Amino acid sequence: MRLEYPANIKVIRAPCTGKIDVIHLLRAIEKGADGAYVVGCMEGECLYNNGNFRAKKRVLQAQKVLDSVGMGGQRVQMYNLSSAEGPKFAAFAREMTEKIRELGPNPMKLAKKGEAA
């Protein structure tokens, strides 16, 4: 089965979501991504013990930072699923794409365009 999700999604694999740091999420936004989301295993089912709980905490921290600078914390999200739920992954991708579309383009990207003009 081939999964269909929006073409603007860039998948970056990590051995565990616990390896994702706040700086990775914020750097993605800084570099021009309109949003970023982390997809990890189900809570309590992490192969590396508590990786998904660490990732969830870091996503919440990134959301707070983005909210505090007026960019909208909803640009960063965390989703949980099992490896057998490919169609759910595609649904999350579509959901996140729609959420970002509602928020609009990354304000940093717009500011950079204004500087170049």
N, C-alpha and C. Protein backbone atom coordinates (compact mmCIF):
# COMPACT_ATOMS: atom_id res chain seq x y z
N MET A 1 0.84 -1.17 0.00
CA MET A 1 0.00 0.00 0.00
C MET A 1 0.89 1.24 0.00
N ARG A 2 0.61 2.13 -0.90
CA ARG A 2 1.36 3.38 -0.98
C ARG A 2 0.57 4.48 -0.27
N LEU A 3 1.24 5.14 0.67
CA LEU A 3 0.57 6.20 1.42
C LEU A 3 0.57 7.49 0.62
N GLU A 4 -0.55 8.18 0.67
CA GLU A 4 -0.64 9.46 0.01
C GLU A 4 -0.78 10.55 1.05
N TYR A 5 0.22 11.44 1.06
CA TYR A 5 0.18 12.59 1.95
C TYR A 5 0.72 13.78 1.17
N PRO A 6 0.49 14.99 1.65
CA PRO A 6 0.88 16.18 0.89
C PRO A 6 2.36 16.17 0.49
N ALA A 7 2.62 16.63 -0.71
CA ALA A 7 3.98 16.63 -1.25
C ALA A 7 4.91 17.59 -0.51
N ASN A 8 4.36 18.56 0.21
CA ASN A 8 5.20 19.53 0.91
C ASN A 8 5.70 19.02 2.26
N ILE A 9 5.38 17.80 2.62
CA ILE A 9 5.85 17.18 3.86
C ILE A 9 7.25 16.61 3.63
N LYS A 10 8.18 16.99 4.48
CA LYS A 10 9.53 16.43 4.40
C LYS A 10 9.72 15.53 5.63
N VAL A 11 9.93 14.26 5.39
CA VAL A 11 10.09 13.30 6.48
C VAL A 11 11.56 13.21 6.85
N ILE A 12 11.85 13.40 8.12
CA ILE A 12 13.21 13.25 8.65
C ILE A 12 13.15 12.16 9.70
N ARG A 13 13.82 11.07 9.45
CA ARG A 13 13.76 9.93 10.37
C ARG A 13 14.77 10.09 11.50
N ALA A 14 14.37 9.62 12.68
CA ALA A 14 15.23 9.61 13.86
C ALA A 14 15.03 8.25 14.54
N PRO A 15 16.06 7.74 15.21
CA PRO A 15 15.90 6.43 15.86
C PRO A 15 14.83 6.46 16.96
N CYS A 16 14.61 7.62 17.55
CA CYS A 16 13.62 7.77 18.60
C CYS A 16 13.24 9.24 18.69
N THR A 17 11.98 9.53 18.94
CA THR A 17 11.57 10.93 19.05
C THR A 17 12.23 11.61 20.24
N GLY A 18 12.72 10.82 21.19
CA GLY A 18 13.44 11.37 22.32
C GLY A 18 14.73 12.07 21.92
N LYS A 19 15.20 11.82 20.71
CA LYS A 19 16.41 12.47 20.19
C LYS A 19 16.10 13.85 19.59
N ILE A 20 14.82 14.15 19.40
CA ILE A 20 14.44 15.44 18.85
C ILE A 20 14.51 16.48 19.97
N ASP A 21 15.22 17.56 19.73
CA ASP A 21 15.38 18.60 20.73
C ASP A 21 14.58 19.83 20.33
N VAL A 22 14.34 20.70 21.27
CA VAL A 22 13.63 21.96 21.01
C VAL A 22 14.32 22.72 19.89
N ILE A 23 15.63 22.74 19.91
CA ILE A 23 16.39 23.50 18.91
C ILE A 23 16.12 22.99 17.50
N HIS A 24 15.90 21.69 17.33
CA HIS A 24 15.60 21.15 16.00
C HIS A 24 14.28 21.71 15.47
N LEU A 25 13.29 21.76 16.34
CA LEU A 25 11.98 22.27 15.94
C LEU A 25 12.04 23.76 15.63
N LEU A 26 12.71 24.50 16.51
CA LEU A 26 12.81 25.95 16.31
C LEU A 26 13.68 26.28 15.10
N ARG A 27 14.71 25.50 14.87
CA ARG A 27 15.58 25.75 13.71
C ARG A 27 14.82 25.52 12.41
N ALA A 28 13.94 24.53 12.40
CA ALA A 28 13.12 24.29 11.20
C ALA A 28 12.28 25.52 10.87
N ILE A 29 11.68 26.11 11.91
CA ILE A 29 10.88 27.32 11.71
C ILE A 29 11.78 28.48 11.29
N GLU A 30 12.92 28.62 11.95
CA GLU A 30 13.87 29.69 11.62
C GLU A 30 14.33 29.60 10.16
N LYS A 31 14.51 28.38 9.67
CA LYS A 31 14.98 28.18 8.31
C LYS A 31 13.88 28.33 7.27
N GLY A 32 12.64 28.59 7.73
CA GLY A 32 11.57 28.87 6.77
C GLY A 32 10.43 27.87 6.70
N ALA A 33 10.50 26.79 7.47
CA ALA A 33 9.37 25.84 7.48
C ALA A 33 8.15 26.54 8.06
N ASP A 34 7.00 26.29 7.50
CA ASP A 34 5.77 26.89 8.02
C ASP A 34 5.30 26.16 9.28
N GLY A 35 5.78 24.95 9.48
CA GLY A 35 5.43 24.17 10.66
C GLY A 35 6.30 22.94 10.76
N ALA A 36 6.23 22.28 11.90
CA ALA A 36 6.98 21.05 12.11
C ALA A 36 6.18 20.17 13.06
N TYR A 37 6.21 18.88 12.81
CA TYR A 37 5.55 17.99 13.74
C TYR A 37 6.36 16.73 13.94
N VAL A 38 6.19 16.15 15.11
CA VAL A 38 6.92 14.96 15.52
C VAL A 38 5.90 13.82 15.61
N VAL A 39 6.22 12.70 15.00
CA VAL A 39 5.36 11.52 15.08
C VAL A 39 6.14 10.44 15.80
N GLY A 40 5.65 10.05 16.96
CA GLY A 40 6.34 9.04 17.76
C GLY A 40 5.44 7.87 18.08
N CYS A 41 6.04 6.90 18.73
CA CYS A 41 5.28 5.72 19.11
C CYS A 41 4.25 6.07 20.18
N MET A 42 3.37 5.14 20.43
CA MET A 42 2.30 5.37 21.41
C MET A 42 2.92 5.61 22.78
N GLU A 43 2.28 6.49 23.56
CA GLU A 43 2.79 6.77 24.90
C GLU A 43 2.81 5.49 25.72
N GLY A 44 3.94 5.26 26.39
CA GLY A 44 4.12 4.06 27.19
C GLY A 44 4.65 2.88 26.41
N GLU A 45 4.84 3.03 25.11
CA GLU A 45 5.33 1.92 24.27
C GLU A 45 6.66 2.24 23.61
N CYS A 46 7.41 3.16 24.17
CA CYS A 46 8.69 3.57 23.59
C CYS A 46 9.73 2.47 23.79
N LEU A 47 10.38 2.09 22.73
CA LEU A 47 11.45 1.09 22.79
C LEU A 47 12.60 1.59 23.66
N TYR A 48 12.79 2.90 23.68
CA TYR A 48 13.88 3.50 24.45
C TYR A 48 13.37 4.08 25.77
N ASN A 49 12.38 3.46 26.35
CA ASN A 49 11.77 3.80 27.65
C ASN A 49 10.87 5.03 27.59
N ASN A 50 11.44 6.22 27.69
CA ASN A 50 10.62 7.43 27.81
C ASN A 50 10.85 8.44 26.70
N GLY A 51 11.35 8.00 25.57
CA GLY A 51 11.67 8.93 24.48
C GLY A 51 10.49 9.76 24.03
N ASN A 52 9.33 9.13 23.89
CA ASN A 52 8.18 9.88 23.40
C ASN A 52 7.68 10.89 24.43
N PHE A 53 7.88 10.61 25.72
CA PHE A 53 7.51 11.59 26.75
C PHE A 53 8.46 12.79 26.72
N ARG A 54 9.75 12.53 26.48
CA ARG A 54 10.71 13.62 26.34
C ARG A 54 10.36 14.48 25.13
N ALA A 55 10.02 13.82 24.02
CA ALA A 55 9.66 14.55 22.80
C ALA A 55 8.43 15.41 23.03
N LYS A 56 7.43 14.87 23.71
CA LYS A 56 6.21 15.63 23.98
C LYS A 56 6.52 16.89 24.79
N LYS A 57 7.38 16.72 25.80
CA LYS A 57 7.78 17.85 26.64
C LYS A 57 8.51 18.91 25.80
N ARG A 58 9.36 18.47 24.89
CA ARG A 58 10.12 19.41 24.06
C ARG A 58 9.23 20.11 23.05
N VAL A 59 8.24 19.41 22.51
CA VAL A 59 7.29 20.04 21.60
C VAL A 59 6.52 21.12 22.35
N LEU A 60 6.10 20.83 23.57
CA LEU A 60 5.39 21.83 24.38
C LEU A 60 6.28 23.05 24.65
N GLN A 61 7.57 22.81 24.90
CA GLN A 61 8.50 23.92 25.11
C GLN A 61 8.63 24.77 23.85
N ALA A 62 8.74 24.12 22.70
CA ALA A 62 8.85 24.85 21.43
C ALA A 62 7.57 25.66 21.18
N GLN A 63 6.42 25.08 21.50
CA GLN A 63 5.16 25.80 21.34
C GLN A 63 5.13 27.07 22.19
N LYS A 64 5.62 26.96 23.43
CA LYS A 64 5.65 28.12 24.32
C LYS A 64 6.56 29.21 23.77
N VAL A 65 7.71 28.82 23.24
CA VAL A 65 8.64 29.80 22.67
C VAL A 65 7.98 30.50 21.48
N LEU A 66 7.38 29.73 20.59
CA LEU A 66 6.74 30.32 19.41
C LEU A 66 5.58 31.23 19.80
N ASP A 67 4.81 30.82 20.81
CA ASP A 67 3.73 31.68 21.29
C ASP A 67 4.29 32.98 21.89
N SER A 68 5.38 32.87 22.62
CA SER A 68 5.94 34.05 23.29
C SER A 68 6.49 35.08 22.30
N VAL A 69 6.88 34.64 21.12
CA VAL A 69 7.38 35.58 20.11
C VAL A 69 6.32 35.92 19.07
N GLY A 70 5.10 35.46 19.31
CA GLY A 70 3.99 35.82 18.44
C GLY A 70 3.89 35.07 17.13
N MET A 71 4.54 33.92 17.03
CA MET A 71 4.50 33.15 15.78
C MET A 71 3.45 32.06 15.79
N GLY A 72 2.91 31.74 16.94
CA GLY A 72 1.88 30.70 17.02
C GLY A 72 2.46 29.34 17.33
N GLY A 73 2.26 28.90 18.55
CA GLY A 73 2.77 27.60 18.98
C GLY A 73 2.16 26.43 18.24
N GLN A 74 1.00 26.64 17.61
CA GLN A 74 0.35 25.56 16.90
C GLN A 74 1.11 25.14 15.64
N ARG A 75 2.17 25.87 15.31
CA ARG A 75 3.00 25.49 14.17
C ARG A 75 3.82 24.23 14.46
N VAL A 76 3.89 23.86 15.73
CA VAL A 76 4.65 22.67 16.15
C VAL A 76 3.70 21.74 16.89
N GLN A 77 3.67 20.49 16.50
CA GLN A 77 2.76 19.51 17.09
C GLN A 77 3.45 18.17 17.32
N MET A 78 2.81 17.35 18.15
CA MET A 78 3.28 15.98 18.41
C MET A 78 2.10 15.04 18.19
N TYR A 79 2.35 13.95 17.48
CA TYR A 79 1.35 12.92 17.25
C TYR A 79 1.95 11.57 17.66
N ASN A 80 1.09 10.67 18.11
CA ASN A 80 1.54 9.33 18.50
C ASN A 80 0.77 8.29 17.69
N LEU A 81 1.48 7.28 17.24
CA LEU A 81 0.86 6.16 16.54
C LEU A 81 1.79 4.96 16.57
N SER A 82 1.26 3.82 16.24
CA SER A 82 2.10 2.62 16.17
C SER A 82 2.62 2.48 14.75
N SER A 83 3.65 1.67 14.58
CA SER A 83 4.27 1.52 13.26
C SER A 83 3.32 0.86 12.25
N ALA A 84 2.26 0.23 12.71
CA ALA A 84 1.30 -0.42 11.82
C ALA A 84 0.21 0.53 11.32
N GLU A 85 0.29 1.79 11.72
CA GLU A 85 -0.77 2.74 11.39
C GLU A 85 -0.36 3.74 10.31
N GLY A 86 0.10 3.21 9.18
CA GLY A 86 0.52 4.07 8.07
C GLY A 86 -0.57 5.02 7.59
N PRO A 87 -1.80 4.54 7.40
CA PRO A 87 -2.85 5.46 6.96
C PRO A 87 -3.09 6.60 7.97
N LYS A 88 -2.90 6.32 9.24
CA LYS A 88 -3.06 7.35 10.26
C LYS A 88 -1.95 8.39 10.12
N PHE A 89 -0.72 7.95 9.76
CA PHE A 89 0.38 8.87 9.52
C PHE A 89 -0.01 9.84 8.40
N ALA A 90 -0.56 9.31 7.32
CA ALA A 90 -0.98 10.15 6.20
C ALA A 90 -2.08 11.11 6.63
N ALA A 91 -2.99 10.66 7.49
CA ALA A 91 -4.05 11.53 7.99
C ALA A 91 -3.47 12.66 8.84
N PHE A 92 -2.47 12.34 9.68
CA PHE A 92 -1.81 13.36 10.48
C PHE A 92 -1.14 14.39 9.58
N ALA A 93 -0.51 13.92 8.50
CA ALA A 93 0.16 14.82 7.57
C ALA A 93 -0.84 15.78 6.94
N ARG A 94 -1.98 15.27 6.54
CA ARG A 94 -3.01 16.13 5.95
C ARG A 94 -3.57 17.10 7.00
N GLU A 95 -3.77 16.61 8.22
CA GLU A 95 -4.29 17.46 9.30
C GLU A 95 -3.32 18.61 9.60
N MET A 96 -2.04 18.28 9.70
CA MET A 96 -1.04 19.30 10.01
C MET A 96 -0.93 20.31 8.86
N THR A 97 -0.99 19.83 7.64
CA THR A 97 -0.92 20.71 6.48
C THR A 97 -2.09 21.69 6.49
N GLU A 98 -3.28 21.19 6.83
CA GLU A 98 -4.45 22.07 6.89
C GLU A 98 -4.32 23.08 8.02
N LYS A 99 -3.80 22.63 9.16
CA LYS A 99 -3.61 23.53 10.30
C LYS A 99 -2.64 24.66 9.93
N ILE A 100 -1.57 24.31 9.25
CA ILE A 100 -0.58 25.31 8.83
C ILE A 100 -1.18 26.26 7.79
N ARG A 101 -1.98 25.71 6.90
CA ARG A 101 -2.63 26.54 5.88
C ARG A 101 -3.51 27.60 6.56
N GLU A 102 -4.22 27.20 7.63
CA GLU A 102 -5.07 28.14 8.37
C GLU A 102 -4.24 29.21 9.07
N LEU A 103 -3.06 28.82 9.59
CA LEU A 103 -2.19 29.78 10.28
C LEU A 103 -1.52 30.74 9.31
N GLY A 104 -1.33 30.30 8.09
CA GLY A 104 -0.66 31.12 7.09
C GLY A 104 0.83 30.86 7.06
N PRO A 105 1.53 31.52 6.16
CA PRO A 105 2.97 31.30 6.01
C PRO A 105 3.75 31.70 7.27
N ASN A 106 4.90 31.12 7.40
CA ASN A 106 5.83 31.43 8.50
C ASN A 106 6.13 32.93 8.47
N PRO A 107 5.85 33.65 9.55
CA PRO A 107 6.14 35.09 9.58
C PRO A 107 7.61 35.44 9.33
N MET A 108 8.51 34.55 9.72
CA MET A 108 9.94 34.81 9.47
C MET A 108 10.25 34.80 7.99
N LYS A 109 9.57 33.92 7.27
CA LYS A 109 9.78 33.84 5.82
C LYS A 109 9.31 35.14 5.16
N LEU A 110 8.18 35.65 5.63
CA LEU A 110 7.65 36.90 5.09
C LEU A 110 8.57 38.06 5.41
N ALA A 111 9.13 38.07 6.63
CA ALA A 111 10.05 39.15 7.02
C ALA A 111 11.32 39.12 6.18
N LYS A 112 11.83 37.93 5.90
CA LYS A 112 13.04 37.81 5.07
C LYS A 112 12.79 38.31 3.66
N LYS A 113 11.58 38.03 3.12
CA LYS A 113 11.25 38.52 1.78
C LYS A 113 11.24 40.04 1.77
N GLY A 114 10.72 40.64 2.85
CA GLY A 114 10.66 42.09 2.96
C GLY A 114 12.06 42.70 3.02
N GLU A 115 13.00 42.02 3.67
CA GLU A 115 14.38 42.51 3.77
C GLU A 115 15.06 42.46 2.41
N ALA A 116 14.73 41.43 1.61
CA ALA A 116 15.38 41.26 0.31
C ALA A 116 14.86 42.28 -0.69
N ALA A 117 13.68 42.77 -0.48
CA ALA A 117 13.07 43.69 -1.47
C ALA A 117 13.66 45.08 -1.41
